[in-house]
Amino acid sequence: MEHASGQSYTDYVRQYLLTPAKMHSTGFWGETFESIASIPTETTGCSSPDTWSYSWVLVGNGRMVSTIGDMHKWVLALKGNRVLSATAKSSIGFDQQI
């Protein structure tokens, strides 16, 4: 993806998926957001994104963090044509699945 687009993986996903879907509280493990979900831990009870380690192991496998509100925005974006065109959805039969 990076080679074909000339962008970093995270920038590409942000530009072509997250931004069109208006998912402003979604990103990659290790990034800091104003309104991102917290991850419970045994020792502290909760951790914030700014304490998470950022690496390709987490980014490359899609290790993203989000909020339930943004997940709803993703469903709406898929139902509409913000992240996939009607033609693209039709060509893979996706338009009949949601």
PDB file of N, CA and C in Angstrom:
ATOM      1  N   MET A   1       0.826  -1.180   0.000  1.00  0.00           N
ATOM      2  CA  MET A   1       0.000   0.000   0.000  1.00  0.00           C
ATOM      3  C   MET A   1       0.870   1.243   0.000  1.00  0.00           C
ATOM      4  N   GLU A   2       1.900   1.234   0.824  1.00  0.00           N
ATOM      5  CA  GLU A   2       2.771   2.401   0.904  1.00  0.00           C
ATOM      6  C   GLU A   2       3.507   2.636  -0.409  1.00  0.00           C
ATOM      7  N   HIS A   3       3.994   1.574  -1.005  1.00  0.00           N
ATOM      8  CA  HIS A   3       4.728   1.710  -2.258  1.00  0.00           C
ATOM      9  C   HIS A   3       3.813   2.223  -3.374  1.00  0.00           C
ATOM     10  N   ALA A   4       2.631   1.650  -3.481  1.00  0.00           N
ATOM     11  CA  ALA A   4       1.694   2.036  -4.548  1.00  0.00           C
ATOM     12  C   ALA A   4       1.173   3.462  -4.369  1.00  0.00           C
ATOM     13  N   SER A   5       0.903   3.848  -3.130  1.00  0.00           N
ATOM     14  CA  SER A   5       0.296   5.160  -2.883  1.00  0.00           C
ATOM     15  C   SER A   5       1.311   6.278  -2.669  1.00  0.00           C
ATOM     16  N   GLY A   6       2.515   5.920  -2.262  1.00  0.00           N
ATOM     17  CA  GLY A   6       3.513   6.933  -1.933  1.00  0.00           C
ATOM     18  C   GLY A   6       3.257   7.582  -0.583  1.00  0.00           C
ATOM     19  N   GLN A   7       2.345   7.007   0.195  1.00  0.00           N
ATOM     20  CA  GLN A   7       2.013   7.516   1.530  1.00  0.00           C
ATOM     21  C   GLN A   7       2.295   6.434   2.565  1.00  0.00           C
ATOM     22  N   SER A   8       2.422   6.855   3.817  1.00  0.00           N
ATOM     23  CA  SER A   8       2.537   5.863   4.878  1.00  0.00           C
ATOM     24  C   SER A   8       1.186   5.149   5.019  1.00  0.00           C
ATOM     25  N   TYR A   9       1.219   3.957   5.562  1.00  0.00           N
ATOM     26  CA  TYR A   9      -0.001   3.173   5.769  1.00  0.00           C
ATOM     27  C   TYR A   9      -1.021   3.964   6.576  1.00  0.00           C
ATOM     28  N   THR A  10      -0.562   4.559   7.671  1.00  0.00           N
ATOM     29  CA  THR A  10      -1.485   5.286   8.544  1.00  0.00           C
ATOM     30  C   THR A  10      -2.070   6.509   7.854  1.00  0.00           C
ATOM     31  N   ASP A  11      -1.243   7.231   7.091  1.00  0.00           N
ATOM     32  CA  ASP A  11      -1.759   8.399   6.371  1.00  0.00           C
ATOM     33  C   ASP A  11      -2.782   7.993   5.317  1.00  0.00           C
ATOM     34  N   TYR A  12      -2.509   6.904   4.615  1.00  0.00           N
ATOM     35  CA  TYR A  12      -3.434   6.419   3.581  1.00  0.00           C
ATOM     36  C   TYR A  12      -4.782   6.033   4.186  1.00  0.00           C
ATOM     37  N   VAL A  13      -4.741   5.245   5.257  1.00  0.00           N
ATOM     38  CA  VAL A  13      -5.977   4.814   5.913  1.00  0.00           C
ATOM     39  C   VAL A  13      -6.750   6.018   6.433  1.00  0.00           C
ATOM     40  N   ARG A  14      -6.025   6.965   7.010  1.00  0.00           N
ATOM     41  CA  ARG A  14      -6.683   8.167   7.522  1.00  0.00           C
ATOM     42  C   ARG A  14      -7.351   8.953   6.388  1.00  0.00           C
ATOM     43  N   GLN A  15      -6.620   9.151   5.279  1.00  0.00           N
ATOM     44  CA  GLN A  15      -7.137   9.961   4.177  1.00  0.00           C
ATOM     45  C   GLN A  15      -8.302   9.296   3.439  1.00  0.00           C
ATOM     46  N   TYR A  16      -8.199   8.006   3.182  1.00  0.00           N
ATOM     47  CA  TYR A  16      -9.190   7.352   2.325  1.00  0.00           C
ATOM     48  C   TYR A  16     -10.271   6.573   3.061  1.00  0.00           C
ATOM     49  N   LEU A  17     -10.084   6.335   4.339  1.00  0.00           N
ATOM     50  CA  LEU A  17     -11.097   5.593   5.097  1.00  0.00           C
ATOM     51  C   LEU A  17     -11.638   6.378   6.282  1.00  0.00           C
ATOM     52  N   LEU A  18     -10.765   6.787   7.180  1.00  0.00           N
ATOM     53  CA  LEU A  18     -11.234   7.427   8.411  1.00  0.00           C
ATOM     54  C   LEU A  18     -11.823   8.808   8.172  1.00  0.00           C
ATOM     55  N   THR A  19     -11.146   9.652   7.405  1.00  0.00           N
ATOM     56  CA  THR A  19     -11.642  11.009   7.168  1.00  0.00           C
ATOM     57  C   THR A  19     -12.960  11.010   6.395  1.00  0.00           C
ATOM     58  N   PRO A  20     -13.079  10.265   5.293  1.00  0.00           N
ATOM     59  CA  PRO A  20     -14.370  10.241   4.595  1.00  0.00           C
ATOM     60  C   PRO A  20     -15.507   9.700   5.462  1.00  0.00           C
ATOM     61  N   ALA A  21     -15.186   8.787   6.375  1.00  0.00           N
ATOM     62  CA  ALA A  21     -16.200   8.222   7.270  1.00  0.00           C
ATOM     63  C   ALA A  21     -16.457   9.129   8.475  1.00  0.00           C
ATOM     64  N   LYS A  22     -15.691  10.228   8.575  1.00  0.00           N
ATOM     65  CA  LYS A  22     -15.814  11.189   9.687  1.00  0.00           C
ATOM     66  C   LYS A  22     -15.523  10.543  11.044  1.00  0.00           C
ATOM     67  N   MET A  23     -14.563   9.643  11.046  1.00  0.00           N
ATOM     68  CA  MET A  23     -14.172   8.917  12.253  1.00  0.00           C
ATOM     69  C   MET A  23     -12.993   9.647  12.910  1.00  0.00           C
ATOM     70  N   HIS A  24     -13.286  10.697  13.653  1.00  0.00           N
ATOM     71  CA  HIS A  24     -12.258  11.542  14.242  1.00  0.00           C
ATOM     72  C   HIS A  24     -11.714  11.026  15.573  1.00  0.00           C
ATOM     73  N   SER A  25     -12.345   9.997  16.126  1.00  0.00           N
ATOM     74  CA  SER A  25     -11.860   9.408  17.379  1.00  0.00           C
ATOM     75  C   SER A  25     -11.365   7.993  17.150  1.00  0.00           C
ATOM     76  N   THR A  26     -10.831   7.754  15.971  1.00  0.00           N
ATOM     77  CA  THR A  26     -10.291   6.449  15.611  1.00  0.00           C
ATOM     78  C   THR A  26      -8.889   6.640  15.074  1.00  0.00           C
ATOM     79  N   GLY A  27      -8.003   5.743  15.435  1.00  0.00           N
ATOM     80  CA  GLY A  27      -6.632   5.825  14.950  1.00  0.00           C
ATOM     81  C   GLY A  27      -5.883   4.561  15.283  1.00  0.00           C
ATOM     82  N   PHE A  28      -4.577   4.666  15.296  1.00  0.00           N
ATOM     83  CA  PHE A  28      -3.731   3.512  15.500  1.00  0.00           C
ATOM     84  C   PHE A  28      -3.180   3.467  16.912  1.00  0.00           C
ATOM     85  N   TRP A  29      -3.040   2.259  17.408  1.00  0.00           N
ATOM     86  CA  TRP A  29      -2.509   2.000  18.739  1.00  0.00           C
ATOM     87  C   TRP A  29      -1.255   2.828  18.944  1.00  0.00           C
ATOM     88  N   GLY A  30      -1.216   3.593  20.009  1.00  0.00           N
ATOM     89  CA  GLY A  30      -0.046   4.399  20.330  1.00  0.00           C
ATOM     90  C   GLY A  30      -0.209   5.872  20.018  1.00  0.00           C
ATOM     91  N   GLU A  31      -1.235   6.220  19.248  1.00  0.00           N
ATOM     92  CA  GLU A  31      -1.482   7.623  18.967  1.00  0.00           C
ATOM     93  C   GLU A  31      -2.353   8.214  20.067  1.00  0.00           C
ATOM     94  N   THR A  32      -2.347   9.511  20.196  1.00  0.00           N
ATOM     95  CA  THR A  32      -3.125  10.195  21.226  1.00  0.00           C
ATOM     96  C   THR A  32      -4.313  10.903  20.598  1.00  0.00           C
ATOM     97  N   PHE A  33      -5.471  10.735  21.198  1.00  0.00           N
ATOM     98  CA  PHE A  33      -6.692  11.363  20.733  1.00  0.00           C
ATOM     99  C   PHE A  33      -7.408  11.998  21.908  1.00  0.00           C
ATOM    100  N   GLU A  34      -8.212  12.998  21.623  1.00  0.00           N
ATOM    101  CA  GLU A  34      -8.956  13.661  22.685  1.00  0.00           C
ATOM    102  C   GLU A  34     -10.059  12.776  23.250  1.00  0.00           C
ATOM    103  N   SER A  35     -10.741  12.040  22.388  1.00  0.00           N
ATOM    104  CA  SER A  35     -11.895  11.268  22.865  1.00  0.00           C
ATOM    105  C   SER A  35     -11.814   9.821  22.420  1.00  0.00           C
ATOM    106  N   ILE A  36     -10.719   9.164  22.786  1.00  0.00           N
ATOM    107  CA  ILE A  36     -10.539   7.778  22.380  1.00  0.00           C
ATOM    108  C   ILE A  36     -10.894   6.842  23.528  1.00  0.00           C
ATOM    109  N   ALA A  37     -11.259   5.648  23.175  1.00  0.00           N
ATOM    110  CA  ALA A  37     -11.611   4.654  24.185  1.00  0.00           C
ATOM    111  C   ALA A  37     -10.386   4.295  25.010  1.00  0.00           C
ATOM    112  N   SER A  38     -10.561   3.999  26.275  1.00  0.00           N
ATOM    113  CA  SER A  38      -9.485   3.548  27.145  1.00  0.00           C
ATOM    114  C   SER A  38      -9.483   2.032  27.211  1.00  0.00           C
ATOM    115  N   ILE A  39      -8.318   1.461  27.430  1.00  0.00           N
ATOM    116  CA  ILE A  39      -8.163   0.024  27.520  1.00  0.00           C
ATOM    117  C   ILE A  39      -7.950  -0.354  28.984  1.00  0.00           C
ATOM    118  N   PRO A  40      -8.819  -1.203  29.543  1.00  0.00           N
ATOM    119  CA  PRO A  40      -8.633  -1.624  30.937  1.00  0.00           C
ATOM    120  C   PRO A  40      -7.366  -2.457  31.108  1.00  0.00           C
ATOM    121  N   THR A  41      -6.682  -2.278  32.233  1.00  0.00           N
ATOM    122  CA  THR A  41      -5.527  -3.105  32.566  1.00  0.00           C
ATOM    123  C   THR A  41      -5.689  -3.618  33.983  1.00  0.00           C
ATOM    124  N   GLU A  42      -4.980  -4.697  34.296  1.00  0.00           N
ATOM    125  CA  GLU A  42      -5.082  -5.281  35.634  1.00  0.00           C
ATOM    126  C   GLU A  42      -4.472  -4.389  36.705  1.00  0.00           C
ATOM    127  N   THR A  43      -3.362  -3.718  36.375  1.00  0.00           N
ATOM    128  CA  THR A  43      -2.651  -2.966  37.404  1.00  0.00           C
ATOM    129  C   THR A  43      -3.207  -1.568  37.633  1.00  0.00           C
ATOM    130  N   THR A  44      -3.532  -0.866  36.575  1.00  0.00           N
ATOM    131  CA  THR A  44      -3.962   0.520  36.743  1.00  0.00           C
ATOM    132  C   THR A  44      -5.464   0.710  36.579  1.00  0.00           C
ATOM    133  N   GLY A  45      -6.135  -0.318  36.065  1.00  0.00           N
ATOM    134  CA  GLY A  45      -7.559  -0.196  35.843  1.00  0.00           C
ATOM    135  C   GLY A  45      -7.870   0.394  34.483  1.00  0.00           C
ATOM    136  N   CYS A  46      -6.982   1.242  33.974  1.00  0.00           N
ATOM    137  CA  CYS A  46      -7.243   1.893  32.692  1.00  0.00           C
ATOM    138  C   CYS A  46      -5.950   2.501  32.167  1.00  0.00           C
ATOM    139  N   SER A  47      -5.757   2.454  30.874  1.00  0.00           N
ATOM    140  CA  SER A  47      -4.581   3.114  30.308  1.00  0.00           C
ATOM    141  C   SER A  47      -5.015   4.059  29.211  1.00  0.00           C
ATOM    142  N   SER A  48      -4.217   5.067  28.973  1.00  0.00           N
ATOM    143  CA  SER A  48      -4.549   6.027  27.931  1.00  0.00           C
ATOM    144  C   SER A  48      -3.681   5.758  26.707  1.00  0.00           C
ATOM    145  N   PRO A  49      -4.138   6.152  25.517  1.00  0.00           N
ATOM    146  CA  PRO A  49      -3.378   5.889  24.298  1.00  0.00           C
ATOM    147  C   PRO A  49      -1.965   6.428  24.295  1.00  0.00           C
ATOM    148  N   ASP A  50      -1.693   7.509  25.007  1.00  0.00           N
ATOM    149  CA  ASP A  50      -0.341   8.070  24.967  1.00  0.00           C
ATOM    150  C   ASP A  50       0.677   7.212  25.705  1.00  0.00           C
ATOM    151  N   THR A  51       0.248   6.190  26.436  1.00  0.00           N
ATOM    152  CA  THR A  51       1.180   5.304  27.122  1.00  0.00           C
ATOM    153  C   THR A  51       1.422   4.019  26.335  1.00  0.00           C
ATOM    154  N   TRP A  52       0.727   3.821  25.220  1.00  0.00           N
ATOM    155  CA  TRP A  52       0.870   2.594  24.442  1.00  0.00           C
ATOM    156  C   TRP A  52       2.063   2.675  23.513  1.00  0.00           C
ATOM    157  N   SER A  53       2.737   1.579  23.337  1.00  0.00           N
ATOM    158  CA  SER A  53       3.893   1.519  22.451  1.00  0.00           C
ATOM    159  C   SER A  53       3.448   1.404  20.992  1.00  0.00           C
ATOM    160  N   TYR A  54       4.017   2.229  20.136  1.00  0.00           N
ATOM    161  CA  TYR A  54       3.665   2.278  18.715  1.00  0.00           C
ATOM    162  C   TYR A  54       4.677   1.469  17.921  1.00  0.00           C
ATOM    163  N   SER A  55       4.216   0.458  17.183  1.00  0.00           N
ATOM    164  CA  SER A  55       5.129  -0.348  16.383  1.00  0.00           C
ATOM    165  C   SER A  55       4.403  -0.940  15.189  1.00  0.00           C
ATOM    166  N   TRP A  56       5.172  -1.420  14.199  1.00  0.00           N
ATOM    167  CA  TRP A  56       4.568  -2.031  13.017  1.00  0.00           C
ATOM    168  C   TRP A  56       3.841  -3.319  13.357  1.00  0.00           C
ATOM    169  N   VAL A  57       4.236  -3.978  14.424  1.00  0.00           N
ATOM    170  CA  VAL A  57       3.514  -5.184  14.840  1.00  0.00           C
ATOM    171  C   VAL A  57       2.056  -4.830  15.098  1.00  0.00           C
ATOM    172  N   LEU A  58       1.818  -3.679  15.696  1.00  0.00           N
ATOM    173  CA  LEU A  58       0.453  -3.262  16.003  1.00  0.00           C
ATOM    174  C   LEU A  58      -0.217  -2.566  14.831  1.00  0.00           C
ATOM    175  N   VAL A  59       0.501  -1.737  14.107  1.00  0.00           N
ATOM    176  CA  VAL A  59      -0.092  -0.981  12.997  1.00  0.00           C
ATOM    177  C   VAL A  59      -0.377  -1.900  11.820  1.00  0.00           C
ATOM    178  N   GLY A  60       0.586  -2.717  11.445  1.00  0.00           N
ATOM    179  CA  GLY A  60       0.456  -3.555  10.270  1.00  0.00           C
ATOM    180  C   GLY A  60      -0.668  -4.576  10.339  1.00  0.00           C
ATOM    181  N   ASN A  61      -1.012  -5.026  11.532  1.00  0.00           N
ATOM    182  CA  ASN A  61      -2.093  -6.006  11.632  1.00  0.00           C
ATOM    183  C   ASN A  61      -3.440  -5.337  11.870  1.00  0.00           C
ATOM    184  N   GLY A  62      -3.494  -4.020  11.688  1.00  0.00           N
ATOM    185  CA  GLY A  62      -4.766  -3.319  11.819  1.00  0.00           C
ATOM    186  C   GLY A  62      -5.118  -2.966  13.239  1.00  0.00           C
ATOM    187  N   ARG A  63      -4.155  -2.943  14.113  1.00  0.00           N
ATOM    188  CA  ARG A  63      -4.406  -2.672  15.530  1.00  0.00           C
ATOM    189  C   ARG A  63      -4.860  -1.225  15.704  1.00  0.00           C
ATOM    190  N   MET A  64      -6.144  -1.033  15.555  1.00  0.00           N
ATOM    191  CA  MET A  64      -6.708   0.304  15.649  1.00  0.00           C
ATOM    192  C   MET A  64      -7.540   0.420  16.910  1.00  0.00           C
ATOM    193  N   VAL A  65      -7.693   1.631  17.368  1.00  0.00           N
ATOM    194  CA  VAL A  65      -8.560   1.912  18.510  1.00  0.00           C
ATOM    195  C   VAL A  65      -9.632   2.886  18.054  1.00  0.00           C
ATOM    196  N   SER A  66     -10.807   2.756  18.654  1.00  0.00           N
ATOM    197  CA  SER A  66     -11.930   3.567  18.212  1.00  0.00           C
ATOM    198  C   SER A  66     -12.930   3.726  19.351  1.00  0.00           C
ATOM    199  N   THR A  67     -13.962   4.460  19.071  1.00  0.00           N
ATOM    200  CA  THR A  67     -15.084   4.601  19.998  1.00  0.00           C
ATOM    201  C   THR A  67     -16.308   3.958  19.360  1.00  0.00           C
ATOM    202  N   ILE A  68     -17.300   3.655  20.149  1.00  0.00           N
ATOM    203  CA  ILE A  68     -18.518   3.066  19.617  1.00  0.00           C
ATOM    204  C   ILE A  68     -19.207   4.040  18.655  1.00  0.00           C
ATOM    205  N   GLY A  69     -19.119   5.312  18.937  1.00  0.00           N
ATOM    206  CA  GLY A  69     -19.693   6.315  18.046  1.00  0.00           C
ATOM    207  C   GLY A  69     -19.040   6.293  16.677  1.00  0.00           C
ATOM    208  N   ASP A  70     -17.706   6.152  16.651  1.00  0.00           N
ATOM    209  CA  ASP A  70     -17.007   6.084  15.379  1.00  0.00           C
ATOM    210  C   ASP A  70     -17.293   4.770  14.655  1.00  0.00           C
ATOM    211  N   MET A  71     -17.478   3.696  15.378  1.00  0.00           N
ATOM    212  CA  MET A  71     -17.829   2.432  14.734  1.00  0.00           C
ATOM    213  C   MET A  71     -19.186   2.559  14.037  1.00  0.00           C
ATOM    214  N   HIS A  72     -20.097   3.288  14.655  1.00  0.00           N
ATOM    215  CA  HIS A  72     -21.397   3.546  14.023  1.00  0.00           C
ATOM    216  C   HIS A  72     -21.206   4.368  12.748  1.00  0.00           C
ATOM    217  N   LYS A  73     -20.302   5.344  12.801  1.00  0.00           N
ATOM    218  CA  LYS A  73     -20.006   6.138  11.607  1.00  0.00           C
ATOM    219  C   LYS A  73     -19.448   5.262  10.492  1.00  0.00           C
ATOM    220  N   TRP A  74     -18.652   4.248  10.845  1.00  0.00           N
ATOM    221  CA  TRP A  74     -18.087   3.339   9.854  1.00  0.00           C
ATOM    222  C   TRP A  74     -19.208   2.559   9.145  1.00  0.00           C
ATOM    223  N   VAL A  75     -20.151   2.061   9.915  1.00  0.00           N
ATOM    224  CA  VAL A  75     -21.278   1.333   9.320  1.00  0.00           C
ATOM    225  C   VAL A  75     -22.049   2.245   8.373  1.00  0.00           C
ATOM    226  N   LEU A  76     -22.308   3.474   8.807  1.00  0.00           N
ATOM    227  CA  LEU A  76     -23.022   4.419   7.944  1.00  0.00           C
ATOM    228  C   LEU A  76     -22.219   4.734   6.682  1.00  0.00           C
ATOM    229  N   ALA A  77     -20.902   4.851   6.819  1.00  0.00           N
ATOM    230  CA  ALA A  77     -20.059   5.127   5.653  1.00  0.00           C
ATOM    231  C   ALA A  77     -20.090   3.962   4.672  1.00  0.00           C
ATOM    232  N   LEU A  78     -20.112   2.744   5.190  1.00  0.00           N
ATOM    233  CA  LEU A  78     -20.195   1.578   4.317  1.00  0.00           C
ATOM    234  C   LEU A  78     -21.556   1.477   3.639  1.00  0.00           C
ATOM    235  N   LYS A  79     -22.601   1.834   4.359  1.00  0.00           N
ATOM    236  CA  LYS A  79     -23.938   1.811   3.767  1.00  0.00           C
ATOM    237  C   LYS A  79     -24.091   2.881   2.697  1.00  0.00           C
ATOM    238  N   GLY A  80     -23.408   3.987   2.874  1.00  0.00           N
ATOM    239  CA  GLY A  80     -23.414   5.056   1.880  1.00  0.00           C
ATOM    240  C   GLY A  80     -22.293   4.815   0.882  1.00  0.00           C
ATOM    241  N   ASN A  81     -21.826   5.878   0.287  1.00  0.00           N
ATOM    242  CA  ASN A  81     -20.757   5.767  -0.712  1.00  0.00           C
ATOM    243  C   ASN A  81     -19.520   6.569  -0.328  1.00  0.00           C
ATOM    244  N   ARG A  82     -19.299   6.752   0.977  1.00  0.00           N
ATOM    245  CA  ARG A  82     -18.171   7.575   1.408  1.00  0.00           C
ATOM    246  C   ARG A  82     -16.826   6.859   1.338  1.00  0.00           C
ATOM    247  N   VAL A  83     -16.803   5.552   1.583  1.00  0.00           N
ATOM    248  CA  VAL A  83     -15.519   4.840   1.553  1.00  0.00           C
ATOM    249  C   VAL A  83     -15.440   3.834   0.412  1.00  0.00           C
ATOM    250  N   LEU A  84     -16.574   3.388  -0.085  1.00  0.00           N
ATOM    251  CA  LEU A  84     -16.636   2.522  -1.260  1.00  0.00           C
ATOM    252  C   LEU A  84     -17.713   3.057  -2.184  1.00  0.00           C
ATOM    253  N   SER A  85     -17.393   3.178  -3.443  1.00  0.00           N
ATOM    254  CA  SER A  85     -18.400   3.645  -4.397  1.00  0.00           C
ATOM    255  C   SER A  85     -19.458   2.564  -4.604  1.00  0.00           C
ATOM    256  N   ALA A  86     -20.605   2.959  -5.119  1.00  0.00           N
ATOM    257  CA  ALA A  86     -21.666   1.994  -5.418  1.00  0.00           C
ATOM    258  C   ALA A  86     -21.163   0.951  -6.413  1.00  0.00           C
ATOM    259  N   THR A  87     -20.369   1.380  -7.372  1.00  0.00           N
ATOM    260  CA  THR A  87     -19.820   0.453  -8.371  1.00  0.00           C
ATOM    261  C   THR A  87     -18.888  -0.563  -7.714  1.00  0.00           C
ATOM    262  N   ALA A  88     -18.029  -0.091  -6.835  1.00  0.00           N
ATOM    263  CA  ALA A  88     -17.100  -0.994  -6.144  1.00  0.00           C
ATOM    264  C   ALA A  88     -17.863  -2.002  -5.293  1.00  0.00           C
ATOM    265  N   LYS A  89     -18.862  -1.533  -4.551  1.00  0.00           N
ATOM    266  CA  LYS A  89     -19.657  -2.448  -3.715  1.00  0.00           C
ATOM    267  C   LYS A  89     -20.403  -3.462  -4.573  1.00  0.00           C
ATOM    268  N   SER A  90     -20.949  -3.017  -5.683  1.00  0.00           N
ATOM    269  CA  SER A  90     -21.692  -3.900  -6.564  1.00  0.00           C
ATOM    270  C   SER A  90     -20.794  -4.967  -7.185  1.00  0.00           C
ATOM    271  N   SER A  91     -19.580  -4.587  -7.543  1.00  0.00           N
ATOM    272  CA  SER A  91     -18.672  -5.522  -8.203  1.00  0.00           C
ATOM    273  C   SER A  91     -18.250  -6.681  -7.299  1.00  0.00           C
ATOM    274  N   ILE A  92     -18.318  -6.487  -5.993  1.00  0.00           N
ATOM    275  CA  ILE A  92     -17.957  -7.566  -5.065  1.00  0.00           C
ATOM    276  C   ILE A  92     -19.164  -8.122  -4.330  1.00  0.00           C
ATOM    277  N   GLY A  93     -20.346  -7.657  -4.692  1.00  0.00           N
ATOM    278  CA  GLY A  93     -21.566  -8.149  -4.050  1.00  0.00           C
ATOM    279  C   GLY A  93     -21.798  -7.570  -2.665  1.00  0.00           C
ATOM    280  N   PHE A  94     -21.018  -6.573  -2.304  1.00  0.00           N
ATOM    281  CA  PHE A  94     -21.115  -5.986  -0.969  1.00  0.00           C
ATOM    282  C   PHE A  94     -22.419  -5.224  -0.759  1.00  0.00           C
ATOM    283  N   ASP A  95     -22.933  -4.657  -1.817  1.00  0.00           N
ATOM    284  CA  ASP A  95     -24.165  -3.862  -1.712  1.00  0.00           C
ATOM    285  C   ASP A  95     -25.354  -4.710  -1.288  1.00  0.00           C
ATOM    286  N   GLN A  96     -25.276  -6.002  -1.467  1.00  0.00           N
ATOM    287  CA  GLN A  96     -26.371  -6.888  -1.084  1.00  0.00           C
ATOM    288  C   GLN A  96     -26.201  -7.449   0.318  1.00  0.00           C
ATOM    289  N   GLN A  97     -25.046  -7.221   0.928  1.00  0.00           N
ATOM    290  CA  GLN A  97     -24.744  -7.806   2.227  1.00  0.00           C
ATOM    291  C   GLN A  97     -25.107  -6.897   3.401  1.00  0.00           C
ATOM    292  N   ILE A  98     -25.245  -5.590   3.184  1.00  0.00           N
ATOM    293  CA  ILE A  98     -25.560  -4.709   4.305  1.00  0.00           C
ATOM    294  C   ILE A  98     -26.841  -3.972   4.051  1.00  0.00           C
TER     295      ILE A  98
END
